[in-house]
């Protein structure tokens, strides 16, 4: 097993994480904040729009079972990459669409993929997705990790 990391921001991290957790070959996911300037932010800091961070999902995946290009395909299809600083009813810079690359191979793959999707004609508006190097990834509080899995399970009391 060859483990690698990928990090994506595509709106509220709860739904994005849930989508990536369904992909065979994804070993683990964590939600958090990256792409900003504010150290160790909490959810309220990010929502106050003082951090510059995006809500993001960091994925650990088995490269023997899943390619980075496969993850990019999931990314493009799990949100509307033409929306600027929003997804659906959620508005603000923390909901922007970003591919955070971990190395030059991921950067090249992300740029190729974006160009392919721009040329595909599947979107009426220009793609707003940014492509940036990953910086510090700050984990969100435990209550945000696998949020939907926790909320959809019946109480175990």
N, C-alpha and C. Protein backbone atom coordinates (compact mmCIF):
# COMPACT_ATOMS: atom_id res chain seq x y z
N UNK A 1 0.84 -1.17 0.00
CA UNK A 1 0.00 0.00 0.00
C UNK A 1 0.90 1.24 0.00
N UNK A 2 0.61 2.15 -0.94
CA UNK A 2 1.33 3.42 -1.02
C UNK A 2 0.35 4.53 -0.67
N UNK A 3 0.55 5.18 0.49
CA UNK A 3 -0.37 6.21 0.95
C UNK A 3 0.11 7.59 0.51
N UNK A 4 -0.83 8.37 -0.02
CA UNK A 4 -0.57 9.75 -0.40
C UNK A 4 -1.69 10.62 0.12
N UNK A 5 -1.43 11.93 0.14
CA UNK A 5 -2.44 12.89 0.60
C UNK A 5 -2.91 13.75 -0.55
N UNK A 6 -4.17 14.16 -0.46
CA UNK A 6 -4.76 15.13 -1.38
C UNK A 6 -5.65 16.03 -0.53
N UNK A 7 -5.77 17.30 -0.93
CA UNK A 7 -6.58 18.24 -0.17
C UNK A 7 -7.42 19.08 -1.11
N UNK A 8 -8.72 19.14 -0.82
CA UNK A 8 -9.66 19.86 -1.66
C UNK A 8 -10.61 20.71 -0.82
N UNK A 9 -10.98 21.87 -1.36
CA UNK A 9 -12.02 22.70 -0.78
C UNK A 9 -13.11 22.85 -1.84
N UNK A 10 -14.34 22.55 -1.46
CA UNK A 10 -15.44 22.56 -2.44
C UNK A 10 -16.75 22.91 -1.75
N UNK A 11 -16.71 23.89 -0.85
CA UNK A 11 -17.91 24.25 -0.10
C UNK A 11 -17.82 23.71 1.30
N UNK A 12 -18.97 23.56 1.94
CA UNK A 12 -19.03 23.05 3.31
C UNK A 12 -18.33 21.70 3.39
N UNK A 13 -17.38 21.57 4.30
CA UNK A 13 -16.56 20.36 4.32
C UNK A 13 -17.31 19.11 4.73
N UNK A 14 -18.46 19.24 5.38
CA UNK A 14 -19.20 18.04 5.80
C UNK A 14 -19.61 17.18 4.61
N UNK A 15 -20.25 17.77 3.64
CA UNK A 15 -20.71 17.02 2.47
C UNK A 15 -19.58 16.55 1.58
N UNK A 16 -18.55 17.38 1.45
CA UNK A 16 -17.40 17.02 0.61
C UNK A 16 -16.69 15.82 1.22
N UNK A 17 -16.50 15.85 2.53
CA UNK A 17 -15.86 14.72 3.19
C UNK A 17 -16.69 13.46 3.00
N UNK A 18 -17.98 13.57 3.17
CA UNK A 18 -18.85 12.39 3.02
C UNK A 18 -18.70 11.78 1.63
N UNK A 19 -18.66 12.63 0.61
CA UNK A 19 -18.52 12.14 -0.77
C UNK A 19 -17.19 11.41 -0.96
N UNK A 20 -16.10 11.98 -0.49
CA UNK A 20 -14.78 11.34 -0.67
C UNK A 20 -14.66 10.05 0.15
N UNK A 21 -15.32 9.97 1.29
CA UNK A 21 -15.25 8.75 2.11
C UNK A 21 -15.91 7.56 1.41
N UNK A 22 -16.75 7.82 0.43
CA UNK A 22 -17.43 6.76 -0.31
C UNK A 22 -16.57 6.17 -1.43
N UNK A 23 -15.42 6.77 -1.70
CA UNK A 23 -14.57 6.36 -2.82
C UNK A 23 -13.67 5.20 -2.40
N UNK A 24 -13.77 4.06 -3.08
CA UNK A 24 -12.87 2.95 -2.77
C UNK A 24 -11.41 3.37 -2.97
N UNK A 25 -10.58 3.06 -2.00
CA UNK A 25 -9.18 3.45 -2.06
C UNK A 25 -8.86 4.63 -1.14
N UNK A 26 -9.90 5.36 -0.70
CA UNK A 26 -9.70 6.41 0.29
C UNK A 26 -9.56 5.72 1.65
N UNK A 27 -8.46 5.95 2.32
CA UNK A 27 -8.16 5.29 3.58
C UNK A 27 -8.70 6.09 4.76
N UNK A 28 -8.54 7.42 4.70
CA UNK A 28 -9.04 8.27 5.78
C UNK A 28 -9.26 9.68 5.26
N UNK A 29 -10.08 10.43 6.00
CA UNK A 29 -10.32 11.83 5.67
C UNK A 29 -10.31 12.63 6.97
N UNK A 30 -9.97 13.90 6.84
CA UNK A 30 -10.04 14.85 7.94
C UNK A 30 -10.53 16.17 7.38
N UNK A 31 -11.37 16.85 8.15
CA UNK A 31 -11.80 18.17 7.73
C UNK A 31 -11.06 19.22 8.54
N UNK A 32 -10.82 20.36 7.89
CA UNK A 32 -10.10 21.42 8.55
C UNK A 32 -10.05 22.67 7.71
N UNK A 33 -9.07 23.49 7.99
CA UNK A 33 -8.97 24.80 7.36
C UNK A 33 -7.56 24.99 6.82
N UNK A 34 -7.48 25.60 5.63
CA UNK A 34 -6.18 25.88 5.02
C UNK A 34 -6.36 26.99 3.99
N UNK A 35 -5.24 27.55 3.56
CA UNK A 35 -5.27 28.56 2.52
C UNK A 35 -5.38 29.98 3.03
N UNK A 36 -5.27 30.15 4.35
CA UNK A 36 -5.40 31.48 4.92
C UNK A 36 -4.15 31.93 5.65
N UNK A 37 -4.33 32.88 6.54
CA UNK A 37 -3.20 33.50 7.23
C UNK A 37 -3.32 33.47 8.76
N UNK A 38 -4.35 32.89 9.27
CA UNK A 38 -4.66 32.93 10.69
C UNK A 38 -4.29 31.60 11.33
N UNK A 39 -3.38 31.58 12.31
CA UNK A 39 -2.96 30.30 12.90
C UNK A 39 -4.02 29.66 13.78
N UNK A 40 -4.12 28.35 13.68
CA UNK A 40 -4.97 27.53 14.53
C UNK A 40 -6.40 28.08 14.69
N UNK A 41 -7.09 28.27 13.57
CA UNK A 41 -8.44 28.84 13.65
C UNK A 41 -9.46 27.82 14.15
N UNK A 42 -10.51 28.34 14.73
CA UNK A 42 -11.66 27.50 15.06
C UNK A 42 -12.77 27.82 14.05
N UNK A 43 -13.84 27.07 14.11
CA UNK A 43 -14.95 27.24 13.18
C UNK A 43 -15.50 28.66 13.22
N UNK A 44 -15.64 29.22 14.39
CA UNK A 44 -16.19 30.58 14.52
C UNK A 44 -15.25 31.62 13.90
N UNK A 45 -13.94 31.42 14.05
CA UNK A 45 -12.98 32.32 13.40
C UNK A 45 -13.16 32.30 11.89
N UNK A 46 -13.27 31.10 11.34
CA UNK A 46 -13.40 30.95 9.89
C UNK A 46 -14.72 31.56 9.42
N UNK A 47 -15.79 31.29 10.14
CA UNK A 47 -17.11 31.84 9.77
C UNK A 47 -17.14 33.36 9.89
N UNK A 48 -16.31 33.93 10.75
CA UNK A 48 -16.24 35.39 10.91
C UNK A 48 -15.49 36.05 9.74
N UNK A 49 -14.92 35.23 8.89
CA UNK A 49 -14.21 35.71 7.69
C UNK A 49 -13.01 36.59 8.03
N UNK A 50 -12.29 36.18 9.06
CA UNK A 50 -11.10 36.92 9.44
C UNK A 50 -9.82 36.11 9.21
N UNK A 51 -9.95 34.89 8.71
CA UNK A 51 -8.80 33.98 8.62
C UNK A 51 -8.24 33.81 7.21
N UNK A 52 -9.08 33.99 6.21
CA UNK A 52 -8.67 33.71 4.83
C UNK A 52 -8.68 32.23 4.48
N UNK A 53 -9.03 31.38 5.44
CA UNK A 53 -9.01 29.93 5.21
C UNK A 53 -10.25 29.45 4.46
N UNK A 54 -10.08 28.34 3.78
CA UNK A 54 -11.19 27.61 3.18
C UNK A 54 -11.47 26.37 4.02
N UNK A 55 -12.73 25.97 4.07
CA UNK A 55 -13.07 24.68 4.67
C UNK A 55 -12.58 23.62 3.68
N UNK A 56 -11.78 22.70 4.15
CA UNK A 56 -11.14 21.74 3.25
C UNK A 56 -11.21 20.32 3.81
N UNK A 57 -11.03 19.38 2.91
CA UNK A 57 -10.96 17.96 3.27
C UNK A 57 -9.58 17.45 2.87
N UNK A 58 -8.88 16.88 3.83
CA UNK A 58 -7.59 16.24 3.54
C UNK A 58 -7.83 14.74 3.50
N UNK A 59 -7.39 14.15 2.41
CA UNK A 59 -7.66 12.75 2.12
C UNK A 59 -6.35 11.97 2.11
N UNK A 60 -6.36 10.83 2.76
CA UNK A 60 -5.25 9.89 2.64
C UNK A 60 -5.78 8.74 1.80
N UNK A 61 -5.07 8.42 0.73
CA UNK A 61 -5.56 7.41 -0.18
C UNK A 61 -4.46 6.44 -0.58
N UNK A 62 -4.88 5.25 -0.98
CA UNK A 62 -3.97 4.19 -1.40
C UNK A 62 -3.71 4.35 -2.90
N UNK A 63 -2.52 4.78 -3.23
CA UNK A 63 -2.14 5.05 -4.63
C UNK A 63 -2.19 3.77 -5.49
N UNK A 64 -2.10 2.61 -4.85
CA UNK A 64 -2.19 1.35 -5.60
C UNK A 64 -3.63 1.06 -6.05
N UNK A 65 -4.61 1.68 -5.38
CA UNK A 65 -6.02 1.42 -5.70
C UNK A 65 -6.72 2.60 -6.35
N UNK A 66 -6.13 3.79 -6.23
CA UNK A 66 -6.81 5.01 -6.63
C UNK A 66 -5.78 6.03 -7.09
N UNK A 67 -6.05 6.70 -8.19
CA UNK A 67 -5.11 7.71 -8.66
C UNK A 67 -5.56 9.11 -8.22
N UNK A 68 -4.63 10.02 -8.23
CA UNK A 68 -4.95 11.41 -7.94
C UNK A 68 -5.95 11.95 -8.96
N UNK A 69 -5.80 11.52 -10.19
CA UNK A 69 -6.73 11.93 -11.25
C UNK A 69 -8.15 11.45 -10.94
N UNK A 70 -8.29 10.27 -10.34
CA UNK A 70 -9.61 9.78 -9.93
C UNK A 70 -10.21 10.71 -8.87
N UNK A 71 -9.38 11.16 -7.94
CA UNK A 71 -9.85 12.09 -6.90
C UNK A 71 -10.25 13.43 -7.52
N UNK A 72 -9.52 13.88 -8.50
CA UNK A 72 -9.88 15.12 -9.19
C UNK A 72 -11.25 14.99 -9.85
N UNK A 73 -11.52 13.85 -10.41
CA UNK A 73 -12.84 13.61 -11.04
C UNK A 73 -13.96 13.75 -10.00
N UNK A 74 -13.76 13.18 -8.82
CA UNK A 74 -14.74 13.31 -7.74
C UNK A 74 -14.88 14.78 -7.36
N UNK A 75 -13.76 15.47 -7.22
CA UNK A 75 -13.78 16.89 -6.86
C UNK A 75 -14.64 17.69 -7.85
N UNK A 76 -14.41 17.53 -9.15
CA UNK A 76 -15.14 18.33 -10.14
C UNK A 76 -16.63 18.02 -10.15
N UNK A 77 -17.00 16.82 -9.78
CA UNK A 77 -18.41 16.42 -9.86
C UNK A 77 -19.17 16.54 -8.54
N UNK A 78 -18.49 16.91 -7.45
CA UNK A 78 -19.18 16.98 -6.15
C UNK A 78 -19.59 18.40 -5.78
N UNK A 79 -19.33 19.37 -6.65
CA UNK A 79 -19.70 20.76 -6.36
C UNK A 79 -19.77 21.55 -7.66
N UNK A 80 -20.18 22.80 -7.56
CA UNK A 80 -20.23 23.68 -8.73
C UNK A 80 -18.98 24.55 -8.74
N UNK A 81 -17.99 24.21 -9.55
CA UNK A 81 -16.73 24.95 -9.53
C UNK A 81 -16.80 26.32 -10.18
N UNK A 82 -17.97 26.72 -10.66
CA UNK A 82 -18.11 28.05 -11.27
C UNK A 82 -18.53 29.10 -10.25
N UNK A 83 -18.93 28.68 -9.08
CA UNK A 83 -19.38 29.64 -8.07
C UNK A 83 -18.17 30.23 -7.33
N UNK A 84 -18.21 31.54 -7.13
CA UNK A 84 -17.13 32.24 -6.45
C UNK A 84 -17.51 32.45 -4.98
N UNK A 85 -16.67 31.95 -4.09
CA UNK A 85 -16.87 32.11 -2.64
C UNK A 85 -18.25 31.69 -2.18
N UNK A 86 -18.70 30.57 -2.70
CA UNK A 86 -19.99 30.03 -2.25
C UNK A 86 -20.20 28.64 -2.84
N UNK A 87 -21.12 27.93 -2.21
CA UNK A 87 -21.67 26.69 -2.74
C UNK A 87 -23.10 26.63 -2.23
N UNK A 88 -24.05 26.61 -3.15
CA UNK A 88 -25.46 26.59 -2.76
C UNK A 88 -25.75 27.78 -1.86
N UNK A 89 -26.40 27.53 -0.72
CA UNK A 89 -26.76 28.65 0.16
C UNK A 89 -25.59 29.17 1.01
N UNK A 90 -24.49 28.45 1.05
CA UNK A 90 -23.35 28.85 1.87
C UNK A 90 -22.52 29.89 1.13
N UNK A 91 -22.28 31.01 1.80
CA UNK A 91 -21.55 32.11 1.17
C UNK A 91 -20.38 32.54 2.05
N UNK A 92 -19.30 32.90 1.39
CA UNK A 92 -18.11 33.39 2.08
C UNK A 92 -16.87 32.72 1.53
N UNK A 93 -15.71 33.35 1.77
CA UNK A 93 -14.46 32.84 1.22
C UNK A 93 -14.13 31.43 1.70
N UNK A 94 -14.67 31.04 2.86
CA UNK A 94 -14.38 29.70 3.38
C UNK A 94 -15.03 28.61 2.53
N UNK A 95 -15.95 28.96 1.64
CA UNK A 95 -16.64 27.99 0.79
C UNK A 95 -16.11 27.99 -0.64
N UNK A 96 -14.99 28.64 -0.86
CA UNK A 96 -14.44 28.72 -2.22
C UNK A 96 -13.96 27.35 -2.70
N UNK A 97 -13.82 27.23 -4.00
CA UNK A 97 -13.36 26.00 -4.65
C UNK A 97 -11.85 26.09 -4.87
N UNK A 98 -11.12 25.15 -4.23
CA UNK A 98 -9.65 25.16 -4.34
C UNK A 98 -9.13 23.73 -4.38
N UNK A 99 -8.16 23.52 -5.25
CA UNK A 99 -7.36 22.30 -5.22
C UNK A 99 -6.03 22.70 -4.58
N UNK A 100 -5.73 22.12 -3.42
CA UNK A 100 -4.47 22.38 -2.74
C UNK A 100 -3.50 21.25 -3.07
N UNK A 101 -2.47 21.54 -3.84
CA UNK A 101 -1.55 20.48 -4.25
C UNK A 101 -0.43 20.29 -3.24
N UNK A 102 0.04 19.02 -3.15
CA UNK A 102 1.09 18.66 -2.21
C UNK A 102 2.46 18.55 -2.86
N UNK A 103 2.50 18.45 -4.18
CA UNK A 103 3.78 18.36 -4.89
C UNK A 103 3.58 18.79 -6.35
N UNK A 104 4.66 18.84 -7.10
CA UNK A 104 4.59 19.33 -8.48
C UNK A 104 3.77 18.40 -9.38
N UNK A 105 3.77 17.11 -9.09
CA UNK A 105 2.95 16.19 -9.89
C UNK A 105 1.47 16.49 -9.70
N UNK A 106 1.06 16.71 -8.46
CA UNK A 106 -0.34 17.06 -8.22
C UNK A 106 -0.68 18.40 -8.85
N UNK A 107 0.23 19.35 -8.80
CA UNK A 107 -0.04 20.65 -9.43
C UNK A 107 -0.27 20.48 -10.92
N UNK A 108 0.60 19.75 -11.59
CA UNK A 108 0.44 19.53 -13.04
C UNK A 108 -0.88 18.82 -13.34
N UNK A 109 -1.18 17.79 -12.57
CA UNK A 109 -2.42 17.04 -12.79
C UNK A 109 -3.64 17.94 -12.57
N UNK A 110 -3.60 18.78 -11.53
CA UNK A 110 -4.72 19.68 -11.24
C UNK A 110 -4.91 20.69 -12.38
N UNK A 111 -3.82 21.24 -12.87
CA UNK A 111 -3.92 22.24 -13.96
C UNK A 111 -4.43 21.59 -15.25
N UNK A 112 -3.95 20.39 -15.55
CA UNK A 112 -4.45 19.66 -16.74
C UNK A 112 -5.93 19.37 -16.59
N UNK A 113 -6.31 18.91 -15.42
CA UNK A 113 -7.70 18.56 -15.17
C UNK A 113 -8.61 19.78 -15.28
N UNK A 114 -8.19 20.89 -14.71
CA UNK A 114 -8.99 22.12 -14.79
C UNK A 114 -9.17 22.53 -16.25
N UNK A 115 -8.10 22.48 -17.02
CA UNK A 115 -8.17 22.85 -18.44
C UNK A 115 -9.12 21.92 -19.19
N UNK A 116 -9.06 20.64 -18.90
CA UNK A 116 -9.96 19.67 -19.53
C UNK A 116 -11.41 19.99 -19.22
N UNK A 117 -11.70 20.29 -17.95
CA UNK A 117 -13.07 20.62 -17.56
C UNK A 117 -13.52 21.96 -18.14
N UNK A 118 -12.59 22.92 -18.25
CA UNK A 118 -12.94 24.21 -18.86
C UNK A 118 -13.33 24.03 -20.33
N UNK A 119 -12.64 23.14 -21.00
CA UNK A 119 -12.89 22.90 -22.43
C UNK A 119 -14.05 21.94 -22.69
N UNK A 120 -14.53 21.29 -21.65
CA UNK A 120 -15.56 20.25 -21.82
C UNK A 120 -16.92 20.80 -22.21
N UNK A 121 -17.18 22.05 -21.92
CA UNK A 121 -18.49 22.62 -22.22
C UNK A 121 -19.57 22.23 -21.22
N UNK A 122 -19.19 21.60 -20.12
CA UNK A 122 -20.18 21.17 -19.12
C UNK A 122 -20.67 22.31 -18.24
N UNK A 123 -19.96 23.43 -18.27
CA UNK A 123 -20.33 24.56 -17.43
C UNK A 123 -20.60 25.78 -18.31
N UNK A 124 -21.67 26.49 -17.99
CA UNK A 124 -22.02 27.69 -18.75
C UNK A 124 -21.17 28.88 -18.34
N UNK A 125 -20.68 28.88 -17.10
CA UNK A 125 -19.85 29.97 -16.59
C UNK A 125 -18.40 29.49 -16.49
N UNK A 126 -17.47 30.44 -16.39
CA UNK A 126 -16.06 30.06 -16.22
C UNK A 126 -15.84 29.34 -14.88
N UNK A 127 -14.90 28.44 -14.85
CA UNK A 127 -14.53 27.75 -13.62
C UNK A 127 -13.77 28.72 -12.72
N UNK A 128 -14.19 28.81 -11.47
CA UNK A 128 -13.59 29.73 -10.50
C UNK A 128 -12.58 29.03 -9.58
N UNK A 129 -12.42 27.73 -9.73
CA UNK A 129 -11.53 26.95 -8.86
C UNK A 129 -10.11 27.49 -8.89
N UNK A 130 -9.55 27.66 -7.71
CA UNK A 130 -8.16 28.07 -7.58
C UNK A 130 -7.29 26.83 -7.40
N UNK A 131 -6.04 26.94 -7.78
CA UNK A 131 -5.07 25.86 -7.58
C UNK A 131 -3.90 26.48 -6.82
N UNK A 132 -3.68 25.97 -5.60
CA UNK A 132 -2.70 26.57 -4.70
C UNK A 132 -1.87 25.49 -4.00
N UNK A 133 -0.64 25.83 -3.61
CA UNK A 133 0.13 24.87 -2.80
C UNK A 133 -0.50 24.75 -1.42
N UNK A 134 -0.44 23.56 -0.88
CA UNK A 134 -0.96 23.34 0.47
C UNK A 134 -0.06 24.06 1.47
N UNK A 135 -0.68 24.71 2.41
CA UNK A 135 0.06 25.31 3.52
C UNK A 135 -0.25 24.49 4.76
N UNK A 136 -0.21 25.14 5.88
CA UNK A 136 -0.58 24.47 7.12
C UNK A 136 -2.05 24.06 7.05
N UNK A 137 -2.32 22.82 7.43
CA UNK A 137 -3.70 22.32 7.49
C UNK A 137 -4.08 22.22 8.96
N UNK A 138 -5.09 23.00 9.33
CA UNK A 138 -5.53 23.05 10.72
C UNK A 138 -6.78 22.19 10.86
N UNK A 139 -6.71 21.15 11.68
CA UNK A 139 -7.86 20.27 11.89
C UNK A 139 -9.02 21.02 12.52
N UNK A 140 -10.21 20.75 12.02
CA UNK A 140 -11.42 21.26 12.65
C UNK A 140 -11.69 20.45 13.92
N UNK A 141 -12.53 20.97 14.78
CA UNK A 141 -12.89 20.28 16.02
C UNK A 141 -13.47 18.91 15.72
N UNK A 142 -13.36 18.01 16.68
CA UNK A 142 -13.84 16.63 16.52
C UNK A 142 -15.29 16.56 16.09
N UNK A 143 -16.14 17.47 16.56
CA UNK A 143 -17.56 17.42 16.20
C UNK A 143 -17.79 17.60 14.70
N UNK A 144 -16.81 18.16 13.98
CA UNK A 144 -16.94 18.35 12.53
C UNK A 144 -16.41 17.16 11.73
N UNK A 145 -15.63 16.30 12.35
CA UNK A 145 -15.06 15.14 11.65
C UNK A 145 -16.15 14.10 11.40
N UNK A 146 -16.26 13.63 10.16
CA UNK A 146 -17.29 12.65 9.77
C UNK A 146 -18.67 13.06 10.30
N UNK A 147 -18.97 14.32 10.14
CA UNK A 147 -20.18 14.92 10.70
C UNK A 147 -21.45 14.17 10.31
N UNK A 148 -21.62 13.90 9.03
CA UNK A 148 -22.86 13.25 8.60
C UNK A 148 -22.95 11.81 9.09
N UNK A 149 -21.84 11.13 9.16
CA UNK A 149 -21.86 9.76 9.68
C UNK A 149 -22.32 9.75 11.13
N UNK A 150 -21.88 10.72 11.91
CA UNK A 150 -22.29 10.81 13.32
C UNK A 150 -23.76 11.20 13.43
N UNK A 151 -24.21 12.13 12.62
CA UNK A 151 -25.57 12.64 12.71
C UNK A 151 -26.61 11.66 12.16
N UNK A 152 -26.21 10.81 11.23
CA UNK A 152 -27.16 9.89 10.61
C UNK A 152 -27.26 8.56 11.34
N UNK A 153 -26.36 8.29 12.26
CA UNK A 153 -26.39 7.05 13.03
C UNK A 153 -27.39 7.19 14.18
N UNK A 154 -28.17 6.16 14.47
CA UNK A 154 -29.06 6.23 15.64
C UNK A 154 -28.21 6.27 16.91
N UNK A 155 -28.74 6.86 17.95
CA UNK A 155 -28.03 6.92 19.23
C UNK A 155 -27.69 5.53 19.72
N UNK A 156 -26.49 5.37 20.23
CA UNK A 156 -25.99 4.09 20.68
C UNK A 156 -26.13 3.93 22.20
N UNK A 157 -26.98 4.72 22.84
CA UNK A 157 -27.11 4.67 24.30
C UNK A 157 -27.91 3.49 24.76
